[in-house]
Structures are given as C-alpha cells and as structure tokens.
Amino acid sequence: MINLTEYLLLGAVLFGIGIYGVLSKRSAVGVLMSVELMLNAVNINFIAVNKFVASSHMAGQLFAIFIIVVAAAEVAVGLALILAIFRQKKSVDLNDFNLLKW
C-alpha cells in the first residue's frame, strides 16, 4: 500500500519539473503547461494529506476542486492573451514580449 510519503514525494517531483519548465521554457504555451503541472502537484498533495491525516473531512478535495477551477480560468485568460499577442508579434517566444517595457 502506498503511504503519505510517497504521495508527497510524487507531488514534490512534479512541482520541481514544473518549476524547471517555468524557468527554462521560452514558449508561453510551455510556461502555461508547466504552471498547470505545478498546480496538479499541489492538488496531489492536498488530497493525499486529506486522505491520510483527516479523512473524515473534505477540505483537501474542496481545495483541489477550487484549484482546478482557478487553473481553468487561468488557462483561458492566458491563452487569450497569448493569442492576442501572437496576432501582433507573430511569435509566442517570451523574449519577444516586451509590451510592458518603457
């Protein structure tokens, strides 16, 4: 049977992969995918801790559902922004996004 430590280790590994993706990717779509990976790692940790520590309460599942809803909204807004910038710049490379510089 899998114990809490293995779930937390899986979440930490996924979060680390997501951090690496955010810091190393040049594509805005890749960065969004890495952020989603980090959010899913947090969801795994919430649900695992809820299962092993306080299984009678539903707080971990509620937090996970809230994070999924926020992540869906973040992806919708992020992709809309990326599409709007792509129409002007013809690129999704993050180095080309200097719209906020003076």
PDB file of N, CA and C in Angstrom:
ATOM      1  N   MET A   1       0.836  -1.188   0.000  1.00  0.00           N
ATOM      2  CA  MET A   1       0.000   0.000   0.000  1.00  0.00           C
ATOM      3  C   MET A   1       0.879   1.249   0.000  1.00  0.00           C
ATOM      4  N   ILE A   2       0.443   2.249  -0.717  1.00  0.00           N
ATOM      5  CA  ILE A   2       1.212   3.491  -0.825  1.00  0.00           C
ATOM      6  C   ILE A   2       0.934   4.350   0.403  1.00  0.00           C
ATOM      7  N   ASN A   3       1.991   4.894   0.994  1.00  0.00           N
ATOM      8  CA  ASN A   3       1.812   5.742   2.168  1.00  0.00           C
ATOM      9  C   ASN A   3       1.935   7.216   1.798  1.00  0.00           C
ATOM     10  N   LEU A   4       1.766   8.075   2.779  1.00  0.00           N
ATOM     11  CA  LEU A   4       1.733   9.516   2.553  1.00  0.00           C
ATOM     12  C   LEU A   4       3.051  10.035   1.985  1.00  0.00           C
ATOM     13  N   THR A   5       4.154   9.494   2.436  1.00  0.00           N
ATOM     14  CA  THR A   5       5.464   9.974   1.993  1.00  0.00           C
ATOM     15  C   THR A   5       5.636   9.813   0.483  1.00  0.00           C
ATOM     16  N   GLU A   6       5.150   8.724  -0.057  1.00  0.00           N
ATOM     17  CA  GLU A   6       5.301   8.505  -1.498  1.00  0.00           C
ATOM     18  C   GLU A   6       4.443   9.465  -2.303  1.00  0.00           C
ATOM     19  N   TYR A   7       3.247   9.771  -1.813  1.00  0.00           N
ATOM     20  CA  TYR A   7       2.416  10.771  -2.495  1.00  0.00           C
ATOM     21  C   TYR A   7       3.073  12.155  -2.440  1.00  0.00           C
ATOM     22  N   LEU A   8       3.607  12.507  -1.276  1.00  0.00           N
ATOM     23  CA  LEU A   8       4.260  13.809  -1.147  1.00  0.00           C
ATOM     24  C   LEU A   8       5.518  13.879  -2.001  1.00  0.00           C
ATOM     25  N   LEU A   9       6.234  12.774  -2.117  1.00  0.00           N
ATOM     26  CA  LEU A   9       7.414  12.735  -2.985  1.00  0.00           C
ATOM     27  C   LEU A   9       7.018  12.910  -4.450  1.00  0.00           C
ATOM     28  N   LEU A  10       5.933  12.241  -4.858  1.00  0.00           N
ATOM     29  CA  LEU A  10       5.437  12.412  -6.223  1.00  0.00           C
ATOM     30  C   LEU A  10       5.047  13.865  -6.485  1.00  0.00           C
ATOM     31  N   GLY A  11       4.342  14.475  -5.532  1.00  0.00           N
ATOM     32  CA  GLY A  11       3.963  15.880  -5.684  1.00  0.00           C
ATOM     33  C   GLY A  11       5.174  16.793  -5.764  1.00  0.00           C
ATOM     34  N   ALA A  12       6.187  16.516  -4.951  1.00  0.00           N
ATOM     35  CA  ALA A  12       7.399  17.337  -4.973  1.00  0.00           C
ATOM     36  C   ALA A  12       8.140  17.199  -6.298  1.00  0.00           C
ATOM     37  N   VAL A  13       8.206  15.974  -6.824  1.00  0.00           N
ATOM     38  CA  VAL A  13       8.879  15.768  -8.113  1.00  0.00           C
ATOM     39  C   VAL A  13       8.131  16.490  -9.228  1.00  0.00           C
ATOM     40  N   LEU A  14       6.810  16.373  -9.247  1.00  0.00           N
ATOM     41  CA  LEU A  14       6.028  17.069 -10.273  1.00  0.00           C
ATOM     42  C   LEU A  14       6.163  18.579 -10.143  1.00  0.00           C
ATOM     43  N   PHE A  15       6.173  19.081  -8.912  1.00  0.00           N
ATOM     44  CA  PHE A  15       6.338  20.516  -8.700  1.00  0.00           C
ATOM     45  C   PHE A  15       7.713  20.978  -9.171  1.00  0.00           C
ATOM     46  N   GLY A  16       8.730  20.175  -8.901  1.00  0.00           N
ATOM     47  CA  GLY A  16      10.083  20.509  -9.368  1.00  0.00           C
ATOM     48  C   GLY A  16      10.185  20.517 -10.883  1.00  0.00           C
ATOM     49  N   ILE A  17       9.536  19.573 -11.541  1.00  0.00           N
ATOM     50  CA  ILE A  17       9.516  19.560 -13.010  1.00  0.00           C
ATOM     51  C   ILE A  17       8.804  20.800 -13.531  1.00  0.00           C
ATOM     52  N   GLY A  18       7.726  21.186 -12.853  1.00  0.00           N
ATOM     53  CA  GLY A  18       7.002  22.392 -13.255  1.00  0.00           C
ATOM     54  C   GLY A  18       7.838  23.652 -13.083  1.00  0.00           C
ATOM     55  N   ILE A  19       8.551  23.748 -11.974  1.00  0.00           N
ATOM     56  CA  ILE A  19       9.436  24.910 -11.744  1.00  0.00           C
ATOM     57  C   ILE A  19      10.511  24.963 -12.824  1.00  0.00           C
ATOM     58  N   TYR A  20      11.105  23.825 -13.127  1.00  0.00           N
ATOM     59  CA  TYR A  20      12.121  23.785 -14.175  1.00  0.00           C
ATOM     60  C   TYR A  20      11.534  24.238 -15.504  1.00  0.00           C
ATOM     61  N   GLY A  21      10.318  23.795 -15.808  1.00  0.00           N
ATOM     62  CA  GLY A  21       9.673  24.199 -17.056  1.00  0.00           C
ATOM     63  C   GLY A  21       9.391  25.685 -17.116  1.00  0.00           C
ATOM     64  N   VAL A  22       8.944  26.257 -16.004  1.00  0.00           N
ATOM     65  CA  VAL A  22       8.665  27.700 -15.979  1.00  0.00           C
ATOM     66  C   VAL A  22       9.944  28.495 -16.176  1.00  0.00           C
ATOM     67  N   LEU A  23      11.024  28.049 -15.548  1.00  0.00           N
ATOM     68  CA  LEU A  23      12.270  28.805 -15.623  1.00  0.00           C
ATOM     69  C   LEU A  23      13.041  28.595 -16.916  1.00  0.00           C
ATOM     70  N   SER A  24      12.814  27.480 -17.614  1.00  0.00           N
ATOM     71  CA  SER A  24      13.635  27.184 -18.777  1.00  0.00           C
ATOM     72  C   SER A  24      12.911  27.331 -20.114  1.00  0.00           C
ATOM     73  N   LYS A  25      11.610  27.285 -20.135  1.00  0.00           N
ATOM     74  CA  LYS A  25      10.878  27.345 -21.400  1.00  0.00           C
ATOM     75  C   LYS A  25      10.901  28.760 -21.969  1.00  0.00           C
ATOM     76  N   ARG A  26      10.952  28.823 -23.273  1.00  0.00           N
ATOM     77  CA  ARG A  26      10.874  30.112 -23.958  1.00  0.00           C
ATOM     78  C   ARG A  26       9.496  30.343 -24.550  1.00  0.00           C
ATOM     79  N   SER A  27       8.729  29.297 -24.715  1.00  0.00           N
ATOM     80  CA  SER A  27       7.395  29.401 -25.284  1.00  0.00           C
ATOM     81  C   SER A  27       6.381  29.686 -24.181  1.00  0.00           C
ATOM     82  N   ALA A  28       5.470  30.601 -24.444  1.00  0.00           N
ATOM     83  CA  ALA A  28       4.450  30.950 -23.457  1.00  0.00           C
ATOM     84  C   ALA A  28       3.513  29.778 -23.197  1.00  0.00           C
ATOM     85  N   VAL A  29       3.250  28.972 -24.204  1.00  0.00           N
ATOM     86  CA  VAL A  29       2.384  27.803 -24.028  1.00  0.00           C
ATOM     87  C   VAL A  29       3.076  26.781 -23.125  1.00  0.00           C
ATOM     88  N   GLY A  30       4.351  26.602 -23.284  1.00  0.00           N
ATOM     89  CA  GLY A  30       5.110  25.696 -22.422  1.00  0.00           C
ATOM     90  C   GLY A  30       5.123  26.152 -20.973  1.00  0.00           C
ATOM     91  N   VAL A  31       5.206  27.461 -20.776  1.00  0.00           N
ATOM     92  CA  VAL A  31       5.166  28.001 -19.413  1.00  0.00           C
ATOM     93  C   VAL A  31       3.795  27.758 -18.799  1.00  0.00           C
ATOM     94  N   LEU A  32       2.729  27.947 -19.567  1.00  0.00           N
ATOM     95  CA  LEU A  32       1.389  27.674 -19.050  1.00  0.00           C
ATOM     96  C   LEU A  32       1.223  26.198 -18.690  1.00  0.00           C
ATOM     97  N   MET A  33       1.771  25.323 -19.512  1.00  0.00           N
ATOM     98  CA  MET A  33       1.691  23.890 -19.206  1.00  0.00           C
ATOM     99  C   MET A  33       2.474  23.558 -17.941  1.00  0.00           C
ATOM    100  N   SER A  34       3.601  24.202 -17.739  1.00  0.00           N
ATOM    101  CA  SER A  34       4.396  23.964 -16.536  1.00  0.00           C
ATOM    102  C   SER A  34       3.681  24.473 -15.285  1.00  0.00           C
ATOM    103  N   VAL A  35       3.004  25.594 -15.392  1.00  0.00           N
ATOM    104  CA  VAL A  35       2.220  26.101 -14.263  1.00  0.00           C
ATOM    105  C   VAL A  35       1.091  25.135 -13.929  1.00  0.00           C
ATOM    106  N   GLU A  36       0.461  24.570 -14.952  1.00  0.00           N
ATOM    107  CA  GLU A  36      -0.597  23.580 -14.712  1.00  0.00           C
ATOM    108  C   GLU A  36      -0.030  22.344 -14.023  1.00  0.00           C
ATOM    109  N   LEU A  37       1.162  21.930 -14.395  1.00  0.00           N
ATOM    110  CA  LEU A  37       1.801  20.792 -13.747  1.00  0.00           C
ATOM    111  C   LEU A  37       2.062  21.078 -12.274  1.00  0.00           C
ATOM    112  N   MET A  38       2.487  22.302 -11.970  1.00  0.00           N
ATOM    113  CA  MET A  38       2.709  22.679 -10.579  1.00  0.00           C
ATOM    114  C   MET A  38       1.401  22.690  -9.794  1.00  0.00           C
ATOM    115  N   LEU A  39       0.341  23.185 -10.387  1.00  0.00           N
ATOM    116  CA  LEU A  39      -0.949  23.194  -9.702  1.00  0.00           C
ATOM    117  C   LEU A  39      -1.466  21.782  -9.461  1.00  0.00           C
ATOM    118  N   ASN A  40      -1.248  20.882 -10.413  1.00  0.00           N
ATOM    119  CA  ASN A  40      -1.658  19.490 -10.217  1.00  0.00           C
ATOM    120  C   ASN A  40      -0.821  18.805  -9.139  1.00  0.00           C
ATOM    121  N   ALA A  41       0.430  19.171  -9.004  1.00  0.00           N
ATOM    122  CA  ALA A  41       1.250  18.630  -7.919  1.00  0.00           C
ATOM    123  C   ALA A  41       0.706  19.070  -6.565  1.00  0.00           C
ATOM    124  N   VAL A  42       0.279  20.309  -6.477  1.00  0.00           N
ATOM    125  CA  VAL A  42      -0.324  20.797  -5.239  1.00  0.00           C
ATOM    126  C   VAL A  42      -1.628  20.051  -4.958  1.00  0.00           C
ATOM    127  N   ASN A  43      -2.403  19.775  -5.992  1.00  0.00           N
ATOM    128  CA  ASN A  43      -3.643  19.017  -5.814  1.00  0.00           C
ATOM    129  C   ASN A  43      -3.361  17.617  -5.272  1.00  0.00           C
ATOM    130  N   ILE A  44      -2.335  16.969  -5.787  1.00  0.00           N
ATOM    131  CA  ILE A  44      -1.973  15.642  -5.286  1.00  0.00           C
ATOM    132  C   ILE A  44      -1.629  15.717  -3.800  1.00  0.00           C
ATOM    133  N   ASN A  45      -0.876  16.726  -3.418  1.00  0.00           N
ATOM    134  CA  ASN A  45      -0.502  16.861  -2.009  1.00  0.00           C
ATOM    135  C   ASN A  45      -1.716  17.144  -1.136  1.00  0.00           C
ATOM    136  N   PHE A  46      -2.608  18.019  -1.567  1.00  0.00           N
ATOM    137  CA  PHE A  46      -3.808  18.312  -0.786  1.00  0.00           C
ATOM    138  C   PHE A  46      -4.640  17.062  -0.562  1.00  0.00           C
ATOM    139  N   ILE A  47      -4.882  16.306  -1.611  1.00  0.00           N
ATOM    140  CA  ILE A  47      -5.738  15.134  -1.496  1.00  0.00           C
ATOM    141  C   ILE A  47      -5.054  14.033  -0.686  1.00  0.00           C
ATOM    142  N   ALA A  48      -3.757  13.855  -0.850  1.00  0.00           N
ATOM    143  CA  ALA A  48      -3.046  12.831  -0.083  1.00  0.00           C
ATOM    144  C   ALA A  48      -3.039  13.164   1.402  1.00  0.00           C
ATOM    145  N   VAL A  49      -2.760  14.410   1.742  1.00  0.00           N
ATOM    146  CA  VAL A  49      -2.760  14.803   3.151  1.00  0.00           C
ATOM    147  C   VAL A  49      -4.158  14.663   3.727  1.00  0.00           C
ATOM    148  N   ASN A  50      -5.164  15.032   2.955  1.00  0.00           N
ATOM    149  CA  ASN A  50      -6.535  14.896   3.435  1.00  0.00           C
ATOM    150  C   ASN A  50      -6.887  13.429   3.685  1.00  0.00           C
ATOM    151  N   LYS A  51      -6.437  12.538   2.809  1.00  0.00           N
ATOM    152  CA  LYS A  51      -6.758  11.115   2.953  1.00  0.00           C
ATOM    153  C   LYS A  51      -6.095  10.511   4.184  1.00  0.00           C
ATOM    154  N   PHE A  52      -4.837  10.852   4.421  1.00  0.00           N
ATOM    155  CA  PHE A  52      -4.095  10.207   5.489  1.00  0.00           C
ATOM    156  C   PHE A  52      -4.204  10.917   6.833  1.00  0.00           C
ATOM    157  N   VAL A  53      -4.472  12.213   6.847  1.00  0.00           N
ATOM    158  CA  VAL A  53      -4.493  12.955   8.110  1.00  0.00           C
ATOM    159  C   VAL A  53      -5.913  13.150   8.619  1.00  0.00           C
ATOM    160  N   ALA A  54      -6.789  13.663   7.778  1.00  0.00           N
ATOM    161  CA  ALA A  54      -8.161  13.966   8.208  1.00  0.00           C
ATOM    162  C   ALA A  54      -9.137  13.425   7.173  1.00  0.00           C
ATOM    163  N   SER A  55      -9.286  12.117   7.139  1.00  0.00           N
ATOM    164  CA  SER A  55     -10.119  11.513   6.097  1.00  0.00           C
ATOM    165  C   SER A  55     -11.609  11.762   6.304  1.00  0.00           C
ATOM    166  N   SER A  56     -12.011  12.175   7.504  1.00  0.00           N
ATOM    167  CA  SER A  56     -13.433  12.429   7.737  1.00  0.00           C
ATOM    168  C   SER A  56     -13.876  13.780   7.179  1.00  0.00           C
ATOM    169  N   HIS A  57     -12.941  14.677   6.940  1.00  0.00           N
ATOM    170  CA  HIS A  57     -13.261  15.997   6.396  1.00  0.00           C
ATOM    171  C   HIS A  57     -12.973  16.014   4.894  1.00  0.00           C
ATOM    172  N   MET A  58     -13.607  16.932   4.197  1.00  0.00           N
ATOM    173  CA  MET A  58     -13.452  17.028   2.742  1.00  0.00           C
ATOM    174  C   MET A  58     -12.658  18.269   2.337  1.00  0.00           C
ATOM    175  N   ALA A  59     -11.879  18.825   3.239  1.00  0.00           N
ATOM    176  CA  ALA A  59     -11.183  20.082   2.961  1.00  0.00           C
ATOM    177  C   ALA A  59     -10.176  19.931   1.822  1.00  0.00           C
ATOM    178  N   GLY A  60      -9.435  18.841   1.776  1.00  0.00           N
ATOM    179  CA  GLY A  60      -8.438  18.650   0.722  1.00  0.00           C
ATOM    180  C   GLY A  60      -9.069  18.569  -0.649  1.00  0.00           C
ATOM    181  N   GLN A  61     -10.182  17.842  -0.745  1.00  0.00           N
ATOM    182  CA  GLN A  61     -10.878  17.743  -2.032  1.00  0.00           C
ATOM    183  C   GLN A  61     -11.462  19.085  -2.440  1.00  0.00           C
ATOM    184  N   LEU A  62     -11.980  19.833  -1.486  1.00  0.00           N
ATOM    185  CA  LEU A  62     -12.544  21.148  -1.818  1.00  0.00           C
ATOM    186  C   LEU A  62     -11.465  22.104  -2.310  1.00  0.00           C
ATOM    187  N   PHE A  63     -10.309  22.100  -1.644  1.00  0.00           N
ATOM    188  CA  PHE A  63      -9.200  22.932  -2.112  1.00  0.00           C
ATOM    189  C   PHE A  63      -8.756  22.515  -3.511  1.00  0.00           C
ATOM    190  N   ALA A  64      -8.707  21.208  -3.759  1.00  0.00           N
ATOM    191  CA  ALA A  64      -8.290  20.710  -5.074  1.00  0.00           C
ATOM    192  C   ALA A  64      -9.276  21.140  -6.160  1.00  0.00           C
ATOM    193  N   ILE A  65     -10.568  21.049  -5.873  1.00  0.00           N
ATOM    194  CA  ILE A  65     -11.571  21.482  -6.849  1.00  0.00           C
ATOM    195  C   ILE A  65     -11.459  22.979  -7.097  1.00  0.00           C
ATOM    196  N   PHE A  66     -11.232  23.742  -6.043  1.00  0.00           N
ATOM    197  CA  PHE A  66     -11.056  25.195  -6.207  1.00  0.00           C
ATOM    198  C   PHE A  66      -9.833  25.495  -7.065  1.00  0.00           C
ATOM    199  N   ILE A  67      -8.739  24.779  -6.858  1.00  0.00           N
ATOM    200  CA  ILE A  67      -7.531  24.992  -7.659  1.00  0.00           C
ATOM    201  C   ILE A  67      -7.778  24.611  -9.113  1.00  0.00           C
ATOM    202  N   ILE A  68      -8.543  23.544  -9.356  1.00  0.00           N
ATOM    203  CA  ILE A  68      -8.851  23.148 -10.730  1.00  0.00           C
ATOM    204  C   ILE A  68      -9.661  24.229 -11.428  1.00  0.00           C
ATOM    205  N   VAL A  69     -10.622  24.814 -10.721  1.00  0.00           N
ATOM    206  CA  VAL A  69     -11.438  25.886 -11.310  1.00  0.00           C
ATOM    207  C   VAL A  69     -10.584  27.107 -11.604  1.00  0.00           C
ATOM    208  N   VAL A  70      -9.730  27.483 -10.672  1.00  0.00           N
ATOM    209  CA  VAL A  70      -8.858  28.643 -10.894  1.00  0.00           C
ATOM    210  C   VAL A  70      -7.874  28.366 -12.024  1.00  0.00           C
ATOM    211  N   ALA A  71      -7.367  27.140 -12.114  1.00  0.00           N
ATOM    212  CA  ALA A  71      -6.432  26.789 -13.185  1.00  0.00           C
ATOM    213  C   ALA A  71      -7.111  26.851 -14.545  1.00  0.00           C
ATOM    214  N   ALA A  72      -8.381  26.423 -14.617  1.00  0.00           N
ATOM    215  CA  ALA A  72      -9.101  26.501 -15.890  1.00  0.00           C
ATOM    216  C   ALA A  72      -9.285  27.953 -16.320  1.00  0.00           C
ATOM    217  N   ALA A  73      -9.615  28.813 -15.369  1.00  0.00           N
ATOM    218  CA  ALA A  73      -9.756  30.233 -15.694  1.00  0.00           C
ATOM    219  C   ALA A  73      -8.414  30.840 -16.088  1.00  0.00           C
ATOM    220  N   GLU A  74      -7.353  30.424 -15.413  1.00  0.00           N
ATOM    221  CA  GLU A  74      -6.019  30.940 -15.732  1.00  0.00           C
ATOM    222  C   GLU A  74      -5.597  30.538 -17.129  1.00  0.00           C
ATOM    223  N   VAL A  75      -5.899  29.316 -17.526  1.00  0.00           N
ATOM    224  CA  VAL A  75      -5.551  28.857 -18.867  1.00  0.00           C
ATOM    225  C   VAL A  75      -6.355  29.614 -19.910  1.00  0.00           C
ATOM    226  N   ALA A  76      -7.638  29.845 -19.659  1.00  0.00           N
ATOM    227  CA  ALA A  76      -8.463  30.567 -20.626  1.00  0.00           C
ATOM    228  C   ALA A  76      -7.958  31.994 -20.821  1.00  0.00           C
ATOM    229  N   VAL A  77      -7.665  32.675 -19.736  1.00  0.00           N
ATOM    230  CA  VAL A  77      -7.158  34.048 -19.843  1.00  0.00           C
ATOM    231  C   VAL A  77      -5.754  34.060 -20.449  1.00  0.00           C
ATOM    232  N   GLY A  78      -4.908  33.127 -20.022  1.00  0.00           N
ATOM    233  CA  GLY A  78      -3.543  33.073 -20.547  1.00  0.00           C
ATOM    234  C   GLY A  78      -3.510  32.793 -22.038  1.00  0.00           C
ATOM    235  N   LEU A  79      -4.311  31.847 -22.495  1.00  0.00           N
ATOM    236  CA  LEU A  79      -4.332  31.558 -23.935  1.00  0.00           C
ATOM    237  C   LEU A  79      -4.922  32.713 -24.735  1.00  0.00           C
ATOM    238  N   ALA A  80      -5.914  33.400 -24.177  1.00  0.00           N
ATOM    239  CA  ALA A  80      -6.462  34.578 -24.866  1.00  0.00           C
ATOM    240  C   ALA A  80      -5.401  35.667 -25.004  1.00  0.00           C
ATOM    241  N   LEU A  81      -4.637  35.879 -23.951  1.00  0.00           N
ATOM    242  CA  LEU A  81      -3.559  36.870 -24.029  1.00  0.00           C
ATOM    243  C   LEU A  81      -2.476  36.444 -25.020  1.00  0.00           C
ATOM    244  N   ILE A  82      -2.132  35.167 -24.999  1.00  0.00           N
ATOM    245  CA  ILE A  82      -1.114  34.679 -25.929  1.00  0.00           C
ATOM    246  C   ILE A  82      -1.584  34.823 -27.373  1.00  0.00           C
ATOM    247  N   LEU A  83      -2.841  34.512 -27.640  1.00  0.00           N
ATOM    248  CA  LEU A  83      -3.370  34.670 -28.997  1.00  0.00           C
ATOM    249  C   LEU A  83      -3.388  36.136 -29.433  1.00  0.00           C
ATOM    250  N   ALA A  84      -3.761  37.022 -28.513  1.00  0.00           N
ATOM    251  CA  ALA A  84      -3.777  38.446 -28.848  1.00  0.00           C
ATOM    252  C   ALA A  84      -2.373  38.961 -29.146  1.00  0.00           C
ATOM    253  N   ILE A  85      -1.397  38.521 -28.366  1.00  0.00           N
ATOM    254  CA  ILE A  85      -0.020  38.954 -28.607  1.00  0.00           C
ATOM    255  C   ILE A  85       0.532  38.300 -29.868  1.00  0.00           C
ATOM    256  N   PHE A  86       0.157  37.047 -30.128  1.00  0.00           N
ATOM    257  CA  PHE A  86       0.626  36.355 -31.325  1.00  0.00           C
ATOM    258  C   PHE A  86       0.137  37.052 -32.589  1.00  0.00           C
ATOM    259  N   ARG A  87      -1.067  37.591 -32.557  1.00  0.00           N
ATOM    260  CA  ARG A  87      -1.595  38.287 -33.729  1.00  0.00           C
ATOM    261  C   ARG A  87      -0.791  39.534 -34.055  1.00  0.00           C
ATOM    262  N   GLN A  88      -0.207  40.163 -33.042  1.00  0.00           N
ATOM    263  CA  GLN A  88       0.608  41.356 -33.286  1.00  0.00           C
ATOM    264  C   GLN A  88       2.067  41.023 -33.572  1.00  0.00           C
ATOM    265  N   LYS A  89       2.644  40.138 -32.758  1.00  0.00           N
ATOM    266  CA  LYS A  89       4.084  39.867 -32.837  1.00  0.00           C
ATOM    267  C   LYS A  89       4.451  38.697 -33.738  1.00  0.00           C
ATOM    268  N   LYS A  90       3.482  37.813 -34.067  1.00  0.00           N
ATOM    269  CA  LYS A  90       3.727  36.597 -34.850  1.00  0.00           C
ATOM    270  C   LYS A  90       4.735  35.676 -34.177  1.00  0.00           C
ATOM    271  N   SER A  91       4.741  35.662 -32.839  1.00  0.00           N
ATOM    272  CA  SER A  91       5.644  34.813 -32.078  1.00  0.00           C
ATOM    273  C   SER A  91       5.060  34.577 -30.690  1.00  0.00           C
ATOM    274  N   VAL A  92       5.345  33.405 -30.126  1.00  0.00           N
ATOM    275  CA  VAL A  92       4.966  33.131 -28.743  1.00  0.00           C
ATOM    276  C   VAL A  92       6.202  32.975 -27.865  1.00  0.00           C
ATOM    277  N   ASP A  93       7.340  33.435 -28.352  1.00  0.00           N
ATOM    278  CA  ASP A  93       8.575  33.410 -27.587  1.00  0.00           C
ATOM    279  C   ASP A  93       8.506  34.477 -26.500  1.00  0.00           C
ATOM    280  N   LEU A  94       8.781  34.092 -25.265  1.00  0.00           N
ATOM    281  CA  LEU A  94       8.658  35.031 -24.148  1.00  0.00           C
ATOM    282  C   LEU A  94       9.682  36.157 -24.216  1.00  0.00           C
ATOM    283  N   ASN A  95      10.781  35.959 -24.920  1.00  0.00           N
ATOM    284  CA  ASN A  95      11.765  37.029 -25.055  1.00  0.00           C
ATOM    285  C   ASN A  95      11.257  38.154 -25.951  1.00  0.00           C
ATOM    286  N   ASP A  96      10.260  37.868 -26.791  1.00  0.00           N
ATOM    287  CA  ASP A  96       9.696  38.889 -27.667  1.00  0.00           C
ATOM    288  C   ASP A  96       8.594  39.698 -26.996  1.00  0.00           C
ATOM    289  N   PHE A  97       8.188  39.304 -25.803  1.00  0.00           N
ATOM    290  CA  PHE A  97       7.103  40.004 -25.108  1.00  0.00           C
ATOM    291  C   PHE A  97       7.702  41.137 -24.268  1.00  0.00           C
ATOM    292  N   ASN A  98       7.831  42.292 -24.840  1.00  0.00           N
ATOM    293  CA  ASN A  98       8.338  43.441 -24.115  1.00  0.00           C
ATOM    294  C   ASN A  98       7.312  44.568 -24.120  1.00  0.00           C
ATOM    295  N   LEU A  99       6.041  44.214 -24.019  1.00  0.00           N
ATOM    296  CA  LEU A  99       4.984  45.202 -24.091  1.00  0.00           C
ATOM    297  C   LEU A  99       4.943  46.122 -22.887  1.00  0.00           C
ATOM    298  N   LEU A 100       5.413  45.661 -21.734  1.00  0.00           N
ATOM    299  CA  LEU A 100       5.336  46.469 -20.524  1.00  0.00           C
ATOM    300  C   LEU A 100       6.602  47.285 -20.267  1.00  0.00           C
ATOM    301  N   LYS A 101       7.588  47.183 -21.158  1.00  0.00           N
ATOM    302  CA  LYS A 101       8.805  47.981 -21.006  1.00  0.00           C
ATOM    303  C   LYS A 101       8.552  49.388 -21.531  1.00  0.00           C
ATOM    304  N   TRP A 102       9.216  50.371 -20.928  1.00  0.00           N
ATOM    305  CA  TRP A 102       9.073  51.744 -21.379  1.00  0.00           C
ATOM    306  C   TRP A 102      10.002  52.035 -22.507  1.00  0.00           C
TER     307      TRP A 102
END
